[in-house]
Amino acid sequence: MRAKDLRVVKTKKAIYQALTHLLKDKRLTDIKVSELCREASINRGTFYFHYEEVGDVFKEFFEEVIVDLEESYKEPYKYISASQLKTSAFKNLDPKTVRIFHHVKKYEDFYRIILSDNVSTTYYYMFFDAIRSNFMEDSKIGKYDESKKFVYSFMTNAIIGLIIEWYRNDFEESVDVMNLHLVETLNVTTGR
């Protein structure tokens, strides 16, 4: 497999950072290619080599963040046996293995934007669907019950609610405290 071209990686990182910076003050739809290029210190030709419009940059970055979120979500399950997963996965979660809030902290600037008023709610629902699909995938390990789709939506909103509350408190709580809140919340919502 051929390694990624370092120039492309650096260029895209500069574009992502520039977009994140601009989104602090403007709506996505108000950002022009020319100002994004100025902020990223690239020319328009470089931009158009990789993207057609500013929204494409946000979508690609969002997808990258979601992949990392999914990996973070799955991390604690590496420490739970198959039999524990089938019975009560949330009860057996060790808060020290939870990585969702590490992920949020890693992409804090992104979450400050996605949870602000400057971005369409479309991205909130994409975020919601990514978390919910992980719950649905986990249910396939144990016994899947179609009626539980509402429970999974509730639990997804519980996780997002914790992230939003953390954001509203300017990410003051430590990651460890947030991990503990998450495990406690999941155990309460699942009756464990």
Foldseek 3Di string as FASTA:
>chain_A
DDDDDPVVVLLLVLLLVLLLVVLVPAAQVPDFLVSSCVSSVHDSVVVVVPDDGSVVSVVVVLVVLLVVLLVLQCQQVVVPDLVCLQPPVLLPGDLVRRRNLVSCVVVVSVVLNLLDPRYDCVSVVVQLVSQLVSVQVSCVSYPDDPVCSVLSSVLSVVLVVLVSVCVVVVVPDDSSVSSVVSSVVVCVSVVD
